[in-house]
Structure formats: structure tokens, C-alpha cells
Amino acid sequence: MAFKSPNLAKKGLWRRTPPAVFPPIMGLFGLGLGWRRMAGDTGLPPGFAETILGAVTLLFAFAVLAYGAKLLRRPAVILEDLRVLPGSAGLSAMVLCPYLLVLTLLPLAGPLAGLLFGGLACHGVLVILLIWALARGPAEQRRVSPVWHLSFVGFIIAALAAIRIGLGSLSLLLFALTFLMAAAIWAVSAERLITEKVPPPLRPLLAIHLSPAALFGLVAKAQGLDVVAAGFAVLSAILLAAMILNVRWLTAASFSPLWGAFTFPLAATATLWLTLDGIWFYPGVIVLLGATVIVPWIAFRVIKLWASGRLAILTNAAAA
């Protein structure tokens, strides 16, 4: 993958905060929620899960502060970040994290509807800005990509949060609307995967296709639609098996920030299988254990790149 030469930024704190830091943060949220599910099902002490969730909440707050400082310096910088794939994926992950924060705080806090609707508002604004950026950009930027799941289908995480706080009708509406969008993205992506070659650096993004299958299954289970949930569990198993069988192809390029795309799908799939229990429980345990190794490793490497200043350069983050 070739990026344009990096922007030259003026000196100043957080002028070039890279949005690419948010996908692995999203993955860490998913990992913590997966371990909370595991603890609830097996009677394990909840401390491990709560430690992960507490730490990632602080990390998310710091990352939002850093990106917010960049926006305050020059609000139009968000449109520049949306024009590059890592920026679009990162900003989409950023606005999905509040939904995961609602799920994180459920056992600990009171009414969370305000946080949920605030997240929906931010997500809606980002989608409008993304459509604006796509419409004004070159035609190749308007090609359907797995990142579209984050931007346009990511509302399904809000559906999961909504039903957990008693907003069942909103959850069902979001489920129906996002499923139509996900089905269209899956169909177009499958056709292009068959007819076109995917450059090695972009292949990790294909893992994002796994997330909607797991999330639709979780929402269906929460809605009491057990047969539908089982169907999505089978779909997630097929997609995960395809990823495992083709892991060398997916990771043919050297490590890059786009590997953050592997993190949340693994955690979400483990959580779905653990939630369904029965024959899905032990496969869910195996996937969760695998995610416990993979997700923190990827997150550590991406955050290390951020701390060194290289993440902004590698992902062509815009400068305020």
C-alpha cells in the first residue's frame, strides 16, 4: 500500500494524532467484554475482565483527548483523515467505542441512554462527513471496502447496547437497517474478492467482514431469536475458518497498523460463541484464548508506533 508523503506539521502537542490508534482500542474493549462473559459463564473471578475494561477505558479517554485537541486546532482536519483508508477506519472505530463503553459500564453505572444517544449522534455526524468526503474525492475512494462495515454497519453495536438498557424497539430497528447494509457490502466484497486481486497490505482489512456476523448473532440472541443467532454463529465460524486457513495469505505483508482490523472481530466472535453456550462454548473459549494473545500484541505494537510518532507517518494522518 502506498501513501502520499507525510504532511509537515507545525510543532505542538497532538497536532497529528493518528486515528489508526482506535481499531486496536476497540479490539481491547471487545476482549474485556469477552472475558466478562467467560467469567459470568464459568464462575471465574471477574477481576481479569474488569482490569482489561478499566485500562482500555482510560486508554480510550486519552486517545479521544489527543484527537480532540487536534480537532480543536483545525476542525477541517477530520475531512482530510477521512480521505485515507487508515483514517477512515480509525475514525469509524473511534465513534463505535462509546457503544462498547455503554456495555462496559452497564454493571457499574446507572442510566446510560445519554451516552448511547450521544454516541449515535457522533456516529451519524461522522457518516455524513464520510459521505461528503467520498462524494468529493476521486472515484477509486468510493469503492466498497470492508471498512464500510465499521462506518455504516457499526450501528449494530448500538443495537446491542440499546437492548441491554431496555430499548428493544430501537435495537430491532437498528438490526434490520444494518443487516441490509451488511448484506450489500458482503455481496459486493465477495464478487470483488473473486474477480480482483487484493494487494497484500490491504488483506488484513478483510477480517472486518467477520465482525457483523458476530454482532448480528449477539443482537439476535439478546432479542430471543435463537435460531437466527445460531445461523450467524455458523456464518461467523465459516468466515473465521476461512481466515485461519488463509492466514499466511492475509498476513503476507509485514506488520502494519492495518493489522488492528484483526482485533475486534476475534473478540466479538468469541463472545458470541460463549453467549450461545452448548456446542459453541468450548470453541468460544479457544477463540477467546487466542484473542487474548493476539489482540494485546497488536495493540501494543500500534500504540508503540503512536508513542514513537511513526504511526502518523505510516498511516498518513492529517496534521492540524
Protein backbone atom coordinates (compact mmCIF):
# COMPACT_ATOMS: atom_id res chain seq x y z
CA MET A 1 0.00 0.00 0.00
CA ALA A 2 1.42 3.37 -0.99
CA PHE A 3 0.58 6.50 0.94
CA LYS A 4 1.35 10.03 -0.08
CA SER A 5 4.26 11.77 1.52
CA PRO A 6 3.57 12.80 5.12
CA ASN A 7 2.14 16.17 5.99
CA LEU A 8 4.52 18.65 7.53
CA ALA A 9 3.01 19.64 10.87
CA LYS A 10 3.74 22.64 12.99
CA LYS A 11 5.18 21.94 16.40
CA GLY A 12 2.62 21.39 19.12
CA LEU A 13 1.11 18.67 21.25
CA TRP A 14 -1.16 16.20 19.43
CA ARG A 15 -1.29 18.15 16.16
CA ARG A 16 -1.07 14.90 14.21
CA THR A 17 -2.85 12.33 16.38
CA PRO A 18 -3.41 9.29 14.11
CA PRO A 19 -6.94 7.83 14.02
CA ALA A 20 -5.36 4.42 13.40
CA VAL A 21 -4.86 4.04 17.16
CA PHE A 22 -8.60 3.40 17.66
CA PRO A 23 -9.16 -0.02 15.97
CA PRO A 24 -6.91 -1.88 18.46
CA ILE A 25 -8.57 0.04 21.31
CA MET A 26 -11.87 -1.24 20.00
CA GLY A 27 -10.38 -4.73 19.97
CA LEU A 28 -9.30 -4.38 23.61
CA PHE A 29 -12.85 -3.37 24.58
CA GLY A 30 -14.12 -6.49 22.81
CA LEU A 31 -11.54 -8.65 24.60
CA GLY A 32 -12.54 -7.33 28.01
CA LEU A 33 -16.23 -7.91 27.28
CA GLY A 34 -15.41 -11.44 26.10
CA TRP A 35 -13.62 -12.20 29.37
CA ARG A 36 -16.54 -10.72 31.32
CA ARG A 37 -18.81 -13.18 29.52
CA MET A 38 -16.38 -16.01 30.28
CA ALA A 39 -16.28 -15.08 33.96
CA GLY A 40 -20.06 -14.97 34.13
CA ASP A 41 -20.41 -18.39 32.49
CA THR A 42 -17.70 -20.23 34.41
CA GLY A 43 -17.60 -18.56 37.81
CA LEU A 44 -14.05 -17.32 37.27
CA PRO A 45 -13.10 -14.20 39.26
CA PRO A 46 -14.18 -11.12 37.30
CA GLY A 47 -11.01 -9.21 38.16
CA PHE A 48 -9.16 -10.01 34.93
CA ALA A 49 -12.00 -8.81 32.70
CA GLU A 50 -12.62 -5.70 34.76
CA THR A 51 -8.91 -4.84 34.75
CA ILE A 52 -8.85 -5.01 30.95
CA LEU A 53 -12.00 -2.92 30.66
CA GLY A 54 -10.79 -0.34 33.17
CA ALA A 55 -7.43 0.04 31.47
CA VAL A 56 -8.88 0.31 27.96
CA THR A 57 -11.46 2.86 29.13
CA LEU A 58 -8.62 5.09 30.33
CA LEU A 59 -6.69 4.48 27.11
CA PHE A 60 -9.74 5.38 25.04
CA ALA A 61 -10.31 8.56 27.05
CA PHE A 62 -6.69 9.59 26.50
CA ALA A 63 -6.85 8.85 22.75
CA VAL A 64 -10.08 10.86 22.41
CA LEU A 65 -8.46 13.73 24.30
CA ALA A 66 -5.49 13.63 21.95
CA TYR A 67 -7.64 13.55 18.81
CA GLY A 68 -9.99 16.17 20.26
CA ALA A 69 -7.05 18.53 20.76
CA LYS A 70 -6.18 18.05 17.10
CA LEU A 71 -9.76 18.84 16.06
CA LEU A 72 -9.88 21.97 18.20
CA ARG A 73 -6.80 23.31 16.43
CA ARG A 74 -8.37 22.83 12.98
CA PRO A 75 -11.79 21.11 12.74
CA ALA A 76 -11.49 20.57 8.98
CA VAL A 77 -8.65 18.11 9.62
CA ILE A 78 -11.25 15.37 10.12
CA LEU A 79 -12.18 15.55 6.43
CA GLU A 80 -8.54 15.03 5.48
CA ASP A 81 -8.29 12.00 7.76
CA LEU A 82 -11.44 10.53 6.21
CA ARG A 83 -9.88 10.63 2.74
CA VAL A 84 -7.31 7.93 3.56
CA LEU A 85 -8.24 4.35 4.41
CA PRO A 86 -6.46 4.10 7.80
CA GLY A 87 -8.00 7.41 8.83
CA SER A 88 -11.49 6.39 7.78
CA ALA A 89 -11.20 3.06 9.59
CA GLY A 90 -9.75 4.71 12.69
CA LEU A 91 -12.37 7.43 12.97
CA SER A 92 -15.14 4.87 12.45
CA ALA A 93 -13.68 2.77 15.26
CA MET A 94 -13.48 5.87 17.45
CA VAL A 95 -17.22 6.57 17.20
CA LEU A 96 -18.06 2.89 17.81
CA CYS A 97 -16.15 2.77 21.09
CA PRO A 98 -18.82 4.74 23.04
CA TYR A 99 -21.27 1.90 22.35
CA LEU A 100 -18.74 -0.53 23.79
CA LEU A 101 -18.26 1.85 26.71
CA VAL A 102 -22.01 1.60 27.42
CA LEU A 103 -21.67 -2.19 27.54
CA THR A 104 -18.62 -1.83 29.77
CA LEU A 105 -20.36 0.43 32.27
CA LEU A 106 -23.66 -1.48 32.44
CA PRO A 107 -22.88 -3.39 35.66
CA LEU A 108 -21.28 -0.33 37.25
CA ALA A 109 -23.33 2.75 36.35
CA GLY A 110 -26.90 3.99 36.33
CA PRO A 111 -28.87 5.13 33.24
CA LEU A 112 -26.65 5.12 30.16
CA ALA A 113 -29.14 6.21 27.50
CA GLY A 114 -27.47 9.62 27.29
CA LEU A 115 -24.12 8.06 26.44
CA LEU A 116 -25.75 5.78 23.88
CA PHE A 117 -27.60 8.59 22.12
CA GLY A 118 -24.52 10.79 22.27
CA GLY A 119 -22.60 8.01 20.54
CA LEU A 120 -25.33 7.68 17.93
CA ALA A 121 -25.18 11.42 17.27
CA CYS A 122 -21.38 11.38 16.84
CA HIS A 123 -21.60 8.32 14.63
CA GLY A 124 -24.31 9.94 12.49
CA VAL A 125 -22.21 13.08 12.02
CA LEU A 126 -19.20 11.01 11.02
CA VAL A 127 -21.23 9.08 8.44
CA ILE A 128 -22.42 12.36 6.91
CA LEU A 129 -18.85 13.68 6.78
CA LEU A 130 -17.64 10.41 5.27
CA ILE A 131 -20.28 10.53 2.54
CA TRP A 132 -19.27 14.15 1.88
CA ALA A 133 -15.60 13.18 1.64
CA LEU A 134 -16.36 10.23 -0.65
CA ALA A 135 -18.55 12.34 -2.92
CA ARG A 136 -15.86 14.99 -3.34
CA GLY A 137 -12.92 12.59 -3.63
CA PRO A 138 -11.68 10.55 -6.59
CA ALA A 139 -13.80 7.68 -7.87
CA GLU A 140 -11.47 4.99 -6.51
CA GLN A 141 -12.17 6.18 -2.97
CA ARG A 142 -15.86 5.35 -3.45
CA ARG A 143 -15.20 1.65 -3.96
CA VAL A 144 -16.87 -0.58 -1.40
CA SER A 145 -14.36 -1.87 1.14
CA PRO A 146 -14.55 -3.86 4.40
CA VAL A 147 -14.05 -0.57 6.27
CA TRP A 148 -17.61 0.33 5.23
CA HIS A 149 -18.79 -2.22 7.81
CA LEU A 150 -17.31 -0.02 10.53
CA SER A 151 -18.83 3.17 9.19
CA PHE A 152 -22.26 2.07 8.01
CA VAL A 153 -22.93 -1.24 9.79
CA GLY A 154 -21.27 -0.31 13.10
CA PHE A 155 -24.65 0.91 14.39
CA ILE A 156 -25.28 -2.77 15.18
CA ILE A 157 -23.12 -2.34 18.30
CA ALA A 158 -25.54 0.40 19.37
CA ALA A 159 -28.34 -2.14 18.85
CA LEU A 160 -26.63 -4.49 21.29
CA ALA A 161 -26.18 -1.69 23.82
CA ALA A 162 -29.76 -0.50 23.31
CA ILE A 163 -31.39 -3.81 24.15
CA ARG A 164 -29.17 -4.16 27.22
CA ILE A 165 -30.55 -0.87 28.60
CA GLY A 166 -34.16 -1.67 27.75
CA LEU A 167 -34.56 -0.03 24.32
CA GLY A 168 -35.71 -3.15 22.47
CA SER A 169 -37.57 -1.39 19.65
CA LEU A 170 -34.57 0.79 18.79
CA SER A 171 -32.38 -2.30 18.85
CA LEU A 172 -34.64 -4.17 16.43
CA LEU A 173 -34.78 -1.18 14.06
CA LEU A 174 -31.00 -0.84 14.02
CA PHE A 175 -30.68 -4.60 13.49
CA ALA A 176 -32.91 -4.54 10.41
CA LEU A 177 -31.31 -1.48 8.82
CA THR A 178 -27.72 -2.54 9.40
CA PHE A 179 -28.35 -6.08 8.18
CA LEU A 180 -29.43 -4.75 4.79
CA MET A 181 -26.27 -2.66 4.56
CA ALA A 182 -24.04 -5.54 5.71
CA ALA A 183 -25.58 -7.93 3.18
CA ALA A 184 -24.88 -5.47 0.36
CA ILE A 185 -21.26 -4.96 1.50
CA TRP A 186 -20.71 -8.73 1.85
CA ALA A 187 -22.13 -9.34 -1.64
CA VAL A 188 -20.03 -6.67 -3.38
CA SER A 189 -16.90 -7.65 -1.47
CA ALA A 190 -17.33 -11.34 -2.29
CA GLU A 191 -17.67 -10.56 -6.00
CA ARG A 192 -14.54 -8.40 -5.95
CA LEU A 193 -12.58 -10.96 -3.95
CA ILE A 194 -13.28 -13.48 -6.71
CA THR A 195 -12.59 -11.19 -9.66
CA GLU A 196 -9.83 -8.91 -8.37
CA LYS A 197 -6.50 -9.32 -6.61
CA VAL A 198 -6.24 -7.81 -3.15
CA PRO A 199 -2.85 -6.12 -2.51
CA PRO A 200 -1.06 -7.79 0.44
CA PRO A 201 -1.03 -4.68 2.67
CA LEU A 202 -4.82 -4.38 2.40
CA ARG A 203 -5.62 -8.03 3.11
CA PRO A 204 -5.90 -7.68 6.93
CA LEU A 205 -8.93 -5.44 6.36
CA LEU A 206 -10.83 -8.49 5.09
CA ALA A 207 -11.04 -9.67 8.71
CA ILE A 208 -13.57 -6.88 9.33
CA HIS A 209 -16.17 -8.97 7.45
CA LEU A 210 -16.27 -11.26 10.50
CA SER A 211 -17.46 -8.57 12.92
CA PRO A 212 -21.02 -8.06 11.62
CA ALA A 213 -21.72 -11.80 11.66
CA ALA A 214 -20.76 -11.99 15.34
CA LEU A 215 -22.60 -8.80 16.29
CA PHE A 216 -25.80 -9.74 14.47
CA GLY A 217 -25.68 -13.05 16.32
CA LEU A 218 -25.29 -11.30 19.68
CA VAL A 219 -28.20 -8.94 19.00
CA ALA A 220 -30.39 -11.79 17.75
CA LYS A 221 -29.64 -13.80 20.90
CA ALA A 222 -30.46 -10.79 23.08
CA GLN A 223 -33.75 -10.39 21.17
CA GLY A 224 -34.62 -14.04 21.84
CA LEU A 225 -34.15 -15.05 18.19
CA ASP A 226 -32.14 -18.18 18.98
CA VAL A 227 -32.38 -19.76 15.52
CA VAL A 228 -31.21 -16.53 13.86
CA ALA A 229 -28.37 -16.25 16.36
CA ALA A 230 -27.29 -19.82 15.61
CA GLY A 231 -27.32 -19.02 11.89
CA PHE A 232 -24.99 -16.08 12.39
CA ALA A 233 -22.79 -18.25 14.61
CA VAL A 234 -22.42 -20.69 11.71
CA LEU A 235 -21.63 -17.81 9.34
CA SER A 236 -19.01 -16.48 11.77
CA ALA A 237 -17.49 -19.96 12.02
CA ILE A 238 -17.23 -20.20 8.24
CA LEU A 239 -15.61 -16.78 7.96
CA LEU A 240 -13.20 -17.47 10.83
CA ALA A 241 -12.24 -20.84 9.37
CA ALA A 242 -11.54 -19.13 6.03
CA MET A 243 -9.32 -16.61 7.82
CA ILE A 244 -7.40 -19.31 9.67
CA LEU A 245 -6.89 -21.42 6.54
CA ASN A 246 -5.64 -18.36 4.65
CA VAL A 247 -3.73 -16.69 7.49
CA ARG A 248 -0.42 -16.74 5.60
CA TRP A 249 -2.11 -15.05 2.64
CA LEU A 250 -3.80 -12.49 4.90
CA THR A 251 -0.52 -11.63 6.64
CA ALA A 252 1.75 -11.83 3.58
CA ALA A 253 2.77 -8.21 4.07
CA SER A 254 4.83 -7.22 7.09
CA PHE A 255 3.14 -5.89 10.20
CA SER A 256 1.28 -2.61 9.70
CA PRO A 257 -1.28 -0.56 11.64
CA LEU A 258 -3.97 -2.16 9.46
CA TRP A 259 -3.45 -5.34 11.48
CA GLY A 260 -5.70 -3.64 14.02
CA ALA A 261 -8.51 -4.99 11.84
CA PHE A 262 -7.88 -8.47 13.26
CA THR A 263 -8.57 -7.49 16.87
CA PHE A 264 -12.26 -6.76 17.36
CA PRO A 265 -13.60 -9.49 15.03
CA LEU A 266 -11.82 -12.19 17.03
CA ALA A 267 -13.09 -10.88 20.35
CA ALA A 268 -16.65 -10.43 19.09
CA THR A 269 -16.75 -13.95 17.65
CA ALA A 270 -15.53 -15.44 20.93
CA THR A 271 -18.20 -13.51 22.83
CA LEU A 272 -20.97 -14.73 20.52
CA TRP A 273 -19.94 -18.36 20.85
CA LEU A 274 -19.63 -18.10 24.62
CA THR A 275 -23.05 -16.44 24.78
CA LEU A 276 -24.69 -19.24 22.76
CA ASP A 277 -23.14 -21.84 25.10
CA GLY A 278 -23.83 -25.52 24.33
CA ILE A 279 -21.69 -26.84 21.48
CA TRP A 280 -20.34 -23.33 20.91
CA PHE A 281 -18.87 -22.88 24.39
CA TYR A 282 -15.51 -24.65 24.03
CA PRO A 283 -14.80 -23.23 20.55
CA GLY A 284 -15.58 -19.84 22.11
CA VAL A 285 -13.05 -20.49 24.88
CA ILE A 286 -10.40 -21.41 22.31
CA VAL A 287 -11.03 -18.27 20.24
CA LEU A 288 -11.03 -16.09 23.37
CA LEU A 289 -7.69 -17.54 24.48
CA GLY A 290 -6.28 -16.92 21.01
CA ALA A 291 -7.61 -13.37 21.05
CA THR A 292 -6.03 -12.85 24.48
CA VAL A 293 -2.64 -13.39 22.85
CA ILE A 294 -3.22 -11.68 19.52
CA VAL A 295 -5.22 -8.58 20.47
CA PRO A 296 -2.85 -7.16 23.14
CA TRP A 297 0.17 -7.94 20.94
CA ILE A 298 -1.26 -5.97 18.03
CA ALA A 299 -2.49 -3.17 20.31
CA PHE A 300 0.92 -2.87 21.97
CA ARG A 301 2.70 -2.60 18.64
CA VAL A 302 0.28 0.02 17.30
CA ILE A 303 0.42 2.10 20.49
CA LYS A 304 4.22 1.83 20.46
CA LEU A 305 4.18 3.24 16.91
CA TRP A 306 1.96 6.07 18.14
CA ALA A 307 4.28 6.86 21.03
CA SER A 308 7.27 6.98 18.69
CA GLY A 309 5.50 9.27 16.22
CA ARG A 310 5.73 6.72 13.40
CA LEU A 311 2.03 5.79 13.39
CA ALA A 312 1.02 9.17 11.97
CA ILE A 313 3.61 8.84 9.21
CA LEU A 314 2.77 5.23 8.32
CA THR A 315 -0.96 6.00 8.08
CA ASN A 316 -0.60 9.46 6.53
CA ALA A 317 -2.57 11.10 9.33
CA ALA A 318 -3.52 14.70 8.62
CA ALA A 319 -1.89 17.49 10.63
CA ALA A 320 -3.75 20.29 12.34
